[in-house]
N, C-alpha and C. Protein backbone atom coordinates (compact mmCIF):
# COMPACT_ATOMS: atom_id res chain seq x y z
N MET A 1 9.55 -8.99 4.75
CA MET A 1 9.15 -7.17 4.85
C MET A 1 7.94 -7.86 5.60
N ASN A 2 8.36 -6.53 6.48
CA ASN A 2 7.12 -6.66 7.86
C ASN A 2 5.92 -5.56 7.35
N ILE A 3 4.91 -5.52 7.30
CA ILE A 3 3.69 -5.39 6.97
C ILE A 3 3.10 -4.80 7.92
N THR A 4 3.05 -3.75 8.40
CA THR A 4 1.92 -3.51 9.50
C THR A 4 0.77 -2.91 8.92
N ILE A 5 -0.52 -2.94 9.68
CA ILE A 5 -1.58 -2.74 9.34
C ILE A 5 -2.64 -1.80 9.69
N GLN A 6 -2.92 -0.61 9.98
CA GLN A 6 -3.79 0.09 11.17
C GLN A 6 -4.57 0.95 9.96
N SER A 7 -6.39 0.78 11.26
CA SER A 7 -6.83 1.01 10.47
C SER A 7 -7.44 2.13 11.40
N VAL A 8 -8.02 3.26 11.03
CA VAL A 8 -8.48 4.45 11.89
C VAL A 8 -9.68 4.70 12.59
N ARG A 9 -10.17 4.49 13.69
CA ARG A 9 -11.41 4.68 13.99
C ARG A 9 -12.55 3.85 13.60
N PHE A 10 -11.70 2.38 13.20
CA PHE A 10 -12.55 1.11 13.00
C PHE A 10 -12.31 0.23 13.15
N ASP A 11 -12.64 -1.46 13.01
CA ASP A 11 -12.02 -2.34 13.00
C ASP A 11 -11.37 -3.45 11.66
N ALA A 12 -10.65 -3.40 11.20
CA ALA A 12 -10.79 -4.14 9.66
C ALA A 12 -11.02 -5.28 10.17
N SER A 13 -11.70 -6.29 9.14
CA SER A 13 -11.61 -7.59 9.18
C SER A 13 -10.82 -8.22 9.05
N VAL A 14 -10.79 -9.94 9.44
CA VAL A 14 -9.31 -10.77 9.10
C VAL A 14 -9.26 -11.00 7.42
N GLN A 15 -10.40 -11.07 6.32
CA GLN A 15 -10.33 -11.09 5.66
C GLN A 15 -9.22 -9.88 5.06
N LEU A 16 -10.49 -8.76 5.18
CA LEU A 16 -9.30 -7.60 4.85
C LEU A 16 -7.70 -7.40 5.14
N GLU A 17 -7.52 -8.12 6.61
CA GLU A 17 -6.24 -7.52 6.44
C GLU A 17 -5.53 -9.09 5.66
N GLU A 18 -5.58 -10.03 5.41
CA GLU A 18 -4.99 -11.23 5.12
C GLU A 18 -5.25 -10.69 3.78
N PHE A 19 -6.00 -10.10 2.98
CA PHE A 19 -6.20 -9.65 1.67
C PHE A 19 -5.30 -8.74 1.37
N ILE A 20 -4.75 -7.81 2.94
CA ILE A 20 -3.69 -6.58 2.28
C ILE A 20 -2.50 -7.26 2.31
N GLN A 21 -2.01 -8.38 3.28
CA GLN A 21 -1.19 -8.94 3.56
C GLN A 21 -0.69 -9.50 2.19
N GLN A 22 -1.04 -10.32 1.65
CA GLN A 22 -1.08 -10.89 0.37
C GLN A 22 -0.57 -10.03 -0.68
N LYS A 23 -1.91 -8.87 -0.99
CA LYS A 23 -1.28 -8.00 -2.03
C LYS A 23 -0.30 -7.28 -2.00
N VAL A 24 0.02 -6.55 -0.74
CA VAL A 24 1.50 -5.86 -0.39
C VAL A 24 2.77 -6.62 -0.71
N GLY A 25 2.19 -8.13 -0.04
CA GLY A 25 3.53 -8.89 -0.38
C GLY A 25 4.14 -9.43 -1.67
N LYS A 26 3.25 -9.25 -2.46
CA LYS A 26 3.65 -9.49 -3.58
C LYS A 26 4.48 -8.58 -4.21
N LEU A 27 4.75 -7.35 -4.00
CA LEU A 27 5.23 -6.19 -4.20
C LEU A 27 7.10 -6.44 -4.21
N GLU A 28 6.79 -7.69 -3.71
CA GLU A 28 8.69 -8.25 -2.93
C GLU A 28 8.97 -9.31 -4.62
N GLN A 29 8.13 -9.75 -5.44
CA GLN A 29 8.46 -9.75 -6.44
C GLN A 29 9.24 -8.63 -7.61
N PHE A 30 9.23 -7.83 -7.43
CA PHE A 30 9.96 -6.61 -8.33
C PHE A 30 11.02 -6.34 -7.34
N PHE A 31 10.80 -6.35 -6.35
CA PHE A 31 12.35 -5.80 -5.23
C PHE A 31 12.12 -6.49 -4.20
N ASP A 32 13.25 -6.92 -4.12
CA ASP A 32 13.52 -8.27 -2.59
C ASP A 32 13.56 -7.44 -1.39
N GLY A 33 14.46 -5.99 -1.43
CA GLY A 33 15.01 -5.47 -0.92
C GLY A 33 14.29 -4.38 0.27
N ILE A 34 12.72 -4.41 0.04
CA ILE A 34 11.49 -3.93 0.56
C ILE A 34 11.91 -3.86 2.43
N VAL A 35 12.33 -3.41 3.19
CA VAL A 35 12.50 -3.28 4.81
C VAL A 35 10.78 -3.41 5.16
N SER A 36 10.13 -1.99 4.94
CA SER A 36 8.72 -2.72 5.78
C SER A 36 8.02 -1.91 4.50
N ALA A 37 6.61 -2.38 5.32
CA ALA A 37 5.33 -1.71 4.47
C ALA A 37 4.19 -1.03 5.50
N GLU A 38 3.75 0.02 5.31
CA GLU A 38 2.87 0.41 6.48
C GLU A 38 1.81 0.97 5.55
N VAL A 39 0.54 0.43 5.82
CA VAL A 39 -0.82 0.36 5.39
C VAL A 39 -1.96 1.46 6.85
N ILE A 40 -1.95 2.21 5.74
CA ILE A 40 -3.27 2.68 6.51
C ILE A 40 -4.62 2.89 6.56
N LEU A 41 -6.19 2.55 7.02
CA LEU A 41 -6.92 2.82 6.47
C LEU A 41 -7.38 3.45 6.91
N LYS A 42 -8.80 4.49 6.53
CA LYS A 42 -9.44 5.45 7.13
C LYS A 42 -10.22 5.31 6.04
N LEU A 43 -11.92 5.90 7.04
CA LEU A 43 -12.57 6.69 6.25
C LEU A 43 -13.01 8.21 6.49
N ASP A 44 -12.97 8.17 5.58
CA ASP A 44 -13.35 9.80 4.45
C ASP A 44 -14.69 9.94 5.45
N LYS A 45 -14.61 11.25 5.91
CA LYS A 45 -16.16 12.32 6.19
C LYS A 45 -16.94 12.41 5.16
N SER A 46 -16.09 12.56 3.79
CA SER A 46 -17.53 13.39 3.05
C SER A 46 -18.57 12.48 2.74
N ASP A 47 -19.40 12.87 1.98
CA ASP A 47 -20.68 12.08 1.67
C ASP A 47 -20.48 11.43 0.57
N SER A 48 -20.01 11.06 -0.21
CA SER A 48 -19.75 10.53 -1.33
C SER A 48 -19.32 8.97 -0.63
N THR A 49 -19.79 8.10 -1.73
CA THR A 49 -19.46 6.49 -1.11
C THR A 49 -18.15 6.54 -1.67
N GLU A 50 -17.02 6.90 -2.50
CA GLU A 50 -16.21 7.11 -2.38
C GLU A 50 -15.28 7.22 -1.32
N ASN A 51 -15.43 6.84 0.26
CA ASN A 51 -15.20 7.34 1.08
C ASN A 51 -13.78 6.56 1.95
N LYS A 52 -13.53 5.26 0.69
CA LYS A 52 -12.63 4.68 1.54
C LYS A 52 -11.00 5.20 1.72
N VAL A 53 -9.90 5.31 2.33
CA VAL A 53 -8.36 5.64 2.06
C VAL A 53 -7.91 4.57 2.37
N VAL A 54 -6.78 4.68 1.71
CA VAL A 54 -5.51 3.54 1.69
C VAL A 54 -4.76 4.15 0.94
N GLU A 55 -3.85 4.08 2.39
CA GLU A 55 -2.60 4.91 2.51
C GLU A 55 -1.10 3.40 2.02
N ILE A 56 -0.16 3.67 1.56
CA ILE A 56 1.32 2.51 1.87
C ILE A 56 2.10 3.75 1.93
N SER A 57 3.30 3.11 2.49
CA SER A 57 4.19 3.53 2.45
C SER A 57 4.96 2.18 2.79
N LEU A 58 6.55 2.38 1.57
CA LEU A 58 6.93 1.11 1.77
C LEU A 58 8.88 1.68 1.89
N SER A 59 9.15 0.83 2.76
CA SER A 59 10.36 1.92 3.31
C SER A 59 11.76 0.85 2.26
N LEU A 60 12.27 1.70 1.63
CA LEU A 60 13.23 0.77 0.82
C LEU A 60 14.74 1.30 1.59
N PRO A 61 16.02 0.48 1.28
CA PRO A 61 17.02 1.03 2.29
C PRO A 61 17.30 2.66 0.61
N GLY A 62 17.96 3.63 1.83
CA GLY A 62 17.65 4.78 1.28
C GLY A 62 16.54 5.45 0.92
N ASN A 63 15.31 5.10 0.96
CA ASN A 63 14.25 5.57 0.28
C ASN A 63 12.73 5.13 0.65
N GLU A 64 12.28 6.11 0.34
CA GLU A 64 10.59 5.62 1.06
C GLU A 64 9.68 5.50 -0.35
N LEU A 65 8.82 5.33 -0.48
CA LEU A 65 7.69 4.91 -2.28
C LEU A 65 6.34 5.07 -1.11
N PHE A 66 5.24 5.79 -1.77
CA PHE A 66 3.82 6.32 -0.95
C PHE A 66 3.25 6.48 -2.10
N ALA A 67 1.72 5.70 -1.48
CA ALA A 67 0.78 5.82 -2.92
C ALA A 67 -0.75 6.20 -1.74
N LYS A 68 -1.62 6.19 -2.09
CA LYS A 68 -3.21 7.01 -1.29
C LYS A 68 -3.61 6.46 -2.18
N LYS A 69 -4.92 6.22 -2.08
CA LYS A 69 -5.64 6.23 -2.82
C LYS A 69 -6.86 6.03 -2.30
N GLN A 70 -8.07 6.43 -2.81
CA GLN A 70 -9.45 6.73 -2.32
C GLN A 70 -10.52 6.13 -3.45
N ASN A 71 -11.76 5.06 -2.93
CA ASN A 71 -12.88 4.36 -3.46
C ASN A 71 -13.75 3.09 -2.78
N LYS A 72 -14.45 3.21 -3.51
CA LYS A 72 -15.92 2.47 -2.68
C LYS A 72 -15.38 1.83 -1.55
N THR A 73 -14.44 0.87 -2.00
CA THR A 73 -14.26 -0.24 -1.02
C THR A 73 -12.36 -0.41 -0.71
N PHE A 74 -12.15 -1.09 0.25
CA PHE A 74 -10.86 -0.98 0.93
C PHE A 74 -10.29 -2.23 -0.17
N GLU A 75 -10.60 -2.80 -1.23
CA GLU A 75 -10.02 -4.14 -1.77
C GLU A 75 -9.45 -3.01 -3.27
N GLU A 76 -10.30 -2.61 -3.24
CA GLU A 76 -10.10 -1.47 -4.79
C GLU A 76 -8.61 -0.61 -4.41
N GLY A 77 -9.42 0.22 -3.42
CA GLY A 77 -7.81 1.10 -3.01
C GLY A 77 -6.78 0.34 -2.68
N VAL A 78 -6.79 -0.76 -2.29
CA VAL A 78 -5.60 -1.31 -2.07
C VAL A 78 -4.61 -1.73 -3.43
N ASP A 79 -5.32 -2.24 -4.30
CA ASP A 79 -5.60 -2.63 -5.73
C ASP A 79 -4.67 -1.62 -6.80
N LEU A 80 -5.37 -0.45 -6.47
CA LEU A 80 -4.95 0.27 -6.98
C LEU A 80 -3.61 1.24 -6.60
N ALA A 81 -3.55 0.81 -4.93
CA ALA A 81 -2.85 1.81 -4.49
C ALA A 81 -0.93 0.90 -4.73
N VAL A 82 -1.30 -0.61 -4.20
CA VAL A 82 -0.48 -1.40 -4.77
C VAL A 82 -0.05 -1.48 -6.41
N ASP A 83 -0.55 -1.30 -7.27
CA ASP A 83 -0.38 -0.86 -8.53
C ASP A 83 0.62 -0.05 -8.70
N ALA A 84 -0.02 1.55 -8.26
CA ALA A 84 0.97 2.30 -7.87
C ALA A 84 2.62 1.63 -7.65
N LEU A 85 2.41 1.96 -6.57
CA LEU A 85 3.72 1.31 -5.89
C LEU A 85 4.34 0.44 -6.96
N ARG A 86 3.88 -0.27 -7.82
CA ARG A 86 4.60 -1.31 -7.99
C ARG A 86 5.63 -0.33 -9.18
N LYS A 87 5.09 -0.02 -9.84
CA LYS A 87 5.58 1.12 -11.06
C LYS A 87 6.56 2.05 -10.47
N GLN A 88 6.15 2.22 -9.25
CA GLN A 88 7.14 3.33 -8.19
C GLN A 88 8.78 2.23 -8.59
N LEU A 89 8.29 1.40 -7.72
CA LEU A 89 9.08 0.33 -7.50
C LEU A 89 10.17 -0.17 -9.05
N ILE A 90 9.44 -0.43 -9.93
CA ILE A 90 9.95 -0.78 -10.86
C ILE A 90 11.36 0.69 -11.50
N LYS A 91 10.69 1.67 -11.14
CA LYS A 91 11.20 3.11 -11.98
C LYS A 91 12.26 3.29 -11.49
N TRP A 92 12.56 3.35 -9.83
CA TRP A 92 13.53 3.05 -8.89
C TRP A 92 14.03 2.22 -8.76
N LYS A 93 14.18 0.41 -9.05
CA LYS A 93 15.30 0.11 -9.70
C LYS A 93 16.01 0.60 -11.03
N GLU A 94 15.41 1.08 -11.82
CA GLU A 94 16.05 1.69 -12.98
C GLU A 94 17.01 2.74 -12.49
N LYS A 95 16.50 3.42 -11.65
CA LYS A 95 17.38 4.54 -11.78
C LYS A 95 18.57 4.28 -11.01
N VAL A 96 17.91 3.22 -9.48
CA VAL A 96 19.52 2.29 -8.95
C VAL A 96 20.67 1.57 -9.47
N ARG A 97 19.60 1.44 -10.83
CA ARG A 97 20.71 0.29 -11.37
C ARG A 97 21.70 0.82 -12.57
N ALA A 98 20.97 2.23 -12.87
CA ALA A 98 21.69 3.23 -13.94
C ALA A 98 22.76 3.90 -13.53
N LYS A 99 23.19 4.08 -11.68
CA LYS A 99 24.23 5.03 -11.40
C LYS A 99 25.56 3.98 -11.46
């Protein structure tokens, strides 16, 4: 799976990028046909401490899954987004099997 990481208006640290690669890469355990994953990291302009936005979109054969989370840290956002995508992948796989 090809994982693309984009950080908007800031430079993501090497540790953060490795963390994302590791977490998103684990999604292949649930479905090995994932074509690619695109991770977008943004800083929201709001005054709240939860201003880190993580968007992950997965490209599957004939489908695309998406999750967006906003938290205090990018790591927390990645964890929650990957968890949401894991649930979507499992549902999608069951739907495909039922056909």
